[in-house]
Amino acid sequence: MLARQIEPDWVIIDERLARRVAFAMGLPVKGTLGILLAAVLAGLLSRQEALDDLQRLLARGIRIAPRWQHWFRTELRRESAENRA
């Protein structure tokens, strides 16, 4: 499998079963929200842009479990608080 050969920082997978397989193979996994959070942490997106992107995904019918939406918002708040400190 290519991902094991190139040893990426992470593989981007949102589908639950595929994530489980990737984890079982020892691959680092990020989903859409993880990528958005990484972009905020890297200074590529603002917190508000990331929240707006989440809303756009939901408006287009992308299903994101409420617990993951809550996780994402919590992480963004935490990052925002750490930057103010």
N, C-alpha and C. Protein backbone atom coordinates (compact mmCIF):
# COMPACT_ATOMS: atom_id res chain seq x y z
N MET A 1 0.84 -1.17 0.00
CA MET A 1 0.00 0.00 0.00
C MET A 1 0.89 1.24 0.00
N LEU A 2 0.55 2.19 -0.84
CA LEU A 2 1.35 3.39 -1.03
C LEU A 2 1.55 4.17 0.28
N ALA A 3 0.48 4.31 1.05
CA ALA A 3 0.59 5.10 2.29
C ALA A 3 1.64 4.53 3.24
N ARG A 4 1.79 3.25 3.28
CA ARG A 4 2.81 2.65 4.16
C ARG A 4 4.21 2.86 3.58
N GLN A 5 4.32 2.89 2.26
CA GLN A 5 5.63 3.07 1.63
C GLN A 5 6.15 4.48 1.81
N ILE A 6 5.28 5.47 1.65
CA ILE A 6 5.77 6.85 1.70
C ILE A 6 5.76 7.45 3.10
N GLU A 7 5.19 6.75 4.08
CA GLU A 7 5.15 7.19 5.47
C GLU A 7 4.70 8.65 5.61
N PRO A 8 3.44 8.92 5.28
CA PRO A 8 2.93 10.30 5.34
C PRO A 8 2.75 10.79 6.76
N ASP A 9 2.66 12.11 6.92
CA ASP A 9 2.33 12.68 8.22
C ASP A 9 0.95 12.20 8.65
N TRP A 10 0.04 12.06 7.67
CA TRP A 10 -1.28 11.51 7.92
C TRP A 10 -1.94 11.15 6.61
N VAL A 11 -2.95 10.30 6.70
CA VAL A 11 -3.80 10.00 5.55
C VAL A 11 -5.16 10.63 5.84
N ILE A 12 -5.80 11.15 4.81
CA ILE A 12 -7.07 11.85 4.97
C ILE A 12 -8.20 10.89 4.65
N ILE A 13 -8.95 10.54 5.68
CA ILE A 13 -10.05 9.59 5.53
C ILE A 13 -11.18 10.01 6.47
N ASP A 14 -12.39 10.10 5.94
CA ASP A 14 -13.54 10.41 6.78
C ASP A 14 -14.42 9.19 7.04
N GLU A 15 -14.44 8.26 6.14
CA GLU A 15 -15.34 7.11 6.25
C GLU A 15 -14.90 6.21 7.40
N ARG A 16 -15.85 5.83 8.25
CA ARG A 16 -15.56 5.14 9.51
C ARG A 16 -14.79 3.83 9.33
N LEU A 17 -15.26 2.96 8.45
CA LEU A 17 -14.60 1.67 8.26
C LEU A 17 -13.17 1.85 7.74
N ALA A 18 -13.01 2.74 6.79
CA ALA A 18 -11.67 2.98 6.24
C ALA A 18 -10.73 3.53 7.30
N ARG A 19 -11.25 4.38 8.19
CA ARG A 19 -10.43 4.90 9.28
C ARG A 19 -9.97 3.77 10.20
N ARG A 20 -10.89 2.86 10.51
CA ARG A 20 -10.53 1.73 11.37
C ARG A 20 -9.44 0.88 10.75
N VAL A 21 -9.56 0.64 9.44
CA VAL A 21 -8.53 -0.15 8.74
C VAL A 21 -7.20 0.59 8.79
N ALA A 22 -7.22 1.89 8.52
CA ALA A 22 -5.98 2.67 8.53
C ALA A 22 -5.34 2.66 9.92
N PHE A 23 -6.15 2.85 10.96
CA PHE A 23 -5.62 2.78 12.33
C PHE A 23 -5.00 1.42 12.60
N ALA A 24 -5.70 0.37 12.18
CA ALA A 24 -5.19 -0.99 12.41
C ALA A 24 -3.86 -1.21 11.70
N MET A 25 -3.66 -0.51 10.60
CA MET A 25 -2.41 -0.62 9.85
C MET A 25 -1.33 0.30 10.41
N GLY A 26 -1.66 1.06 11.42
CA GLY A 26 -0.69 1.96 12.03
C GLY A 26 -0.50 3.26 11.29
N LEU A 27 -1.46 3.61 10.44
CA LEU A 27 -1.36 4.86 9.69
C LEU A 27 -1.96 6.01 10.49
N PRO A 28 -1.32 7.16 10.46
CA PRO A 28 -1.89 8.33 11.14
C PRO A 28 -3.05 8.87 10.30
N VAL A 29 -4.20 9.07 10.90
CA VAL A 29 -5.41 9.45 10.17
C VAL A 29 -5.90 10.82 10.59
N LYS A 30 -6.32 11.60 9.62
CA LYS A 30 -7.03 12.85 9.87
C LYS A 30 -8.23 12.87 8.94
N GLY A 31 -9.31 13.43 9.44
CA GLY A 31 -10.49 13.63 8.63
C GLY A 31 -10.58 15.09 8.22
N THR A 32 -11.70 15.46 7.65
CA THR A 32 -11.91 16.82 7.17
C THR A 32 -11.73 17.84 8.29
N LEU A 33 -12.33 17.58 9.44
CA LEU A 33 -12.22 18.53 10.54
C LEU A 33 -10.79 18.62 11.07
N GLY A 34 -10.09 17.52 11.06
CA GLY A 34 -8.69 17.54 11.47
C GLY A 34 -7.83 18.38 10.53
N ILE A 35 -8.15 18.31 9.24
CA ILE A 35 -7.42 19.12 8.26
C ILE A 35 -7.73 20.60 8.47
N LEU A 36 -9.01 20.92 8.70
CA LEU A 36 -9.36 22.32 8.97
C LEU A 36 -8.65 22.83 10.22
N LEU A 37 -8.63 22.02 11.27
CA LEU A 37 -7.95 22.42 12.50
C LEU A 37 -6.45 22.60 12.26
N ALA A 38 -5.84 21.70 11.52
CA ALA A 38 -4.42 21.82 11.19
C ALA A 38 -4.15 23.12 10.42
N ALA A 39 -5.07 23.49 9.55
CA ALA A 39 -4.91 24.74 8.78
C ALA A 39 -4.98 25.95 9.71
N VAL A 40 -5.84 25.90 10.71
CA VAL A 40 -5.92 27.00 11.68
C VAL A 40 -4.62 27.06 12.48
N LEU A 41 -4.16 25.92 12.95
CA LEU A 41 -2.94 25.88 13.76
C LEU A 41 -1.72 26.36 12.96
N ALA A 42 -1.74 26.11 11.66
CA ALA A 42 -0.63 26.54 10.80
C ALA A 42 -0.77 27.99 10.35
N GLY A 43 -1.86 28.63 10.73
CA GLY A 43 -2.07 30.02 10.34
C GLY A 43 -2.58 30.20 8.92
N LEU A 44 -3.06 29.13 8.32
CA LEU A 44 -3.57 29.20 6.95
C LEU A 44 -5.03 29.60 6.89
N LEU A 45 -5.75 29.36 7.96
CA LEU A 45 -7.15 29.75 8.09
C LEU A 45 -7.34 30.41 9.44
N SER A 46 -8.26 31.35 9.51
CA SER A 46 -8.64 31.90 10.81
C SER A 46 -9.64 30.96 11.46
N ARG A 47 -9.85 31.16 12.73
CA ARG A 47 -10.85 30.37 13.45
C ARG A 47 -12.21 30.53 12.79
N GLN A 48 -12.56 31.78 12.46
CA GLN A 48 -13.87 32.04 11.85
C GLN A 48 -13.98 31.40 10.46
N GLU A 49 -12.92 31.43 9.69
CA GLU A 49 -12.96 30.78 8.38
C GLU A 49 -13.20 29.28 8.51
N ALA A 50 -12.57 28.67 9.51
CA ALA A 50 -12.76 27.24 9.73
C ALA A 50 -14.20 26.94 10.14
N LEU A 51 -14.77 27.77 11.01
CA LEU A 51 -16.16 27.59 11.40
C LEU A 51 -17.09 27.79 10.21
N ASP A 52 -16.79 28.78 9.38
CA ASP A 52 -17.59 29.01 8.17
C ASP A 52 -17.50 27.82 7.23
N ASP A 53 -16.31 27.24 7.11
CA ASP A 53 -16.14 26.06 6.26
C ASP A 53 -16.96 24.88 6.79
N LEU A 54 -16.98 24.71 8.10
CA LEU A 54 -17.81 23.66 8.70
C LEU A 54 -19.28 23.88 8.32
N GLN A 55 -19.75 25.10 8.45
CA GLN A 55 -21.15 25.40 8.12
C GLN A 55 -21.44 25.14 6.64
N ARG A 56 -20.49 25.47 5.78
CA ARG A 56 -20.67 25.21 4.34
C ARG A 56 -20.77 23.72 4.07
N LEU A 57 -19.93 22.94 4.73
CA LEU A 57 -19.99 21.49 4.55
C LEU A 57 -21.36 20.95 4.98
N LEU A 58 -21.82 21.38 6.12
CA LEU A 58 -23.12 20.93 6.62
C LEU A 58 -24.25 21.37 5.70
N ALA A 59 -24.18 22.60 5.21
CA ALA A 59 -25.21 23.13 4.31
C ALA A 59 -25.27 22.35 3.00
N ARG A 60 -24.14 21.78 2.59
CA ARG A 60 -24.09 21.00 1.34
C ARG A 60 -24.45 19.54 1.56
N GLY A 61 -24.85 19.22 2.77
CA GLY A 61 -25.30 17.86 3.03
C GLY A 61 -24.23 16.89 3.48
N ILE A 62 -23.04 17.40 3.77
CA ILE A 62 -21.98 16.54 4.29
C ILE A 62 -22.37 16.20 5.74
N ARG A 63 -22.40 14.91 6.02
CA ARG A 63 -22.80 14.48 7.37
C ARG A 63 -21.58 14.43 8.28
N ILE A 64 -21.67 15.19 9.34
CA ILE A 64 -20.61 15.20 10.36
C ILE A 64 -21.33 15.03 11.69
N ALA A 65 -20.98 13.99 12.40
CA ALA A 65 -21.65 13.68 13.66
C ALA A 65 -21.56 14.87 14.62
N PRO A 66 -22.63 15.11 15.36
CA PRO A 66 -22.62 16.22 16.33
C PRO A 66 -21.43 16.16 17.29
N ARG A 67 -21.03 14.95 17.71
CA ARG A 67 -19.89 14.88 18.64
C ARG A 67 -18.62 15.39 17.99
N TRP A 68 -18.43 15.20 16.69
CA TRP A 68 -17.24 15.70 16.01
C TRP A 68 -17.33 17.20 15.78
N GLN A 69 -18.54 17.69 15.54
CA GLN A 69 -18.72 19.14 15.43
C GLN A 69 -18.37 19.81 16.76
N HIS A 70 -18.85 19.20 17.84
CA HIS A 70 -18.55 19.72 19.18
C HIS A 70 -17.04 19.68 19.45
N TRP A 71 -16.40 18.55 19.12
CA TRP A 71 -14.95 18.43 19.29
C TRP A 71 -14.22 19.55 18.54
N PHE A 72 -14.63 19.77 17.29
CA PHE A 72 -13.98 20.78 16.45
C PHE A 72 -14.12 22.17 17.06
N ARG A 73 -15.32 22.52 17.46
CA ARG A 73 -15.54 23.85 18.06
C ARG A 73 -14.75 24.00 19.37
N THR A 74 -14.70 22.94 20.15
CA THR A 74 -13.94 22.96 21.41
C THR A 74 -12.46 23.18 21.14
N GLU A 75 -11.93 22.46 20.17
CA GLU A 75 -10.51 22.61 19.83
C GLU A 75 -10.21 24.02 19.31
N LEU A 76 -11.11 24.57 18.52
CA LEU A 76 -10.91 25.94 18.03
C LEU A 76 -10.95 26.94 19.18
N ARG A 77 -11.87 26.75 20.12
CA ARG A 77 -11.92 27.65 21.29
C ARG A 77 -10.65 27.52 22.11
N ARG A 78 -10.19 26.28 22.30
CA ARG A 78 -8.96 26.06 23.07
C ARG A 78 -7.78 26.76 22.40
N GLU A 79 -7.68 26.62 21.10
CA GLU A 79 -6.59 27.26 20.36
C GLU A 79 -6.68 28.77 20.48
N SER A 80 -7.88 29.29 20.37
CA SER A 80 -8.09 30.73 20.49
C SER A 80 -7.68 31.22 21.87
N ALA A 81 -8.06 30.48 22.91
CA ALA A 81 -7.71 30.86 24.29
C ALA A 81 -6.21 30.80 24.51
N GLU A 82 -5.55 29.80 23.96
CA GLU A 82 -4.10 29.67 24.12
C GLU A 82 -3.38 30.81 23.42
N ASN A 83 -3.90 31.27 22.29
CA ASN A 83 -3.26 32.38 21.59
C ASN A 83 -3.42 33.70 22.32
N ARG A 84 -4.50 33.83 23.10
CA ARG A 84 -4.71 35.06 23.86
C ARG A 84 -3.87 35.08 25.14
N ALA A 85 -3.48 33.91 25.62
CA ALA A 85 -2.74 33.84 26.89
C ALA A 85 -1.29 34.22 26.72
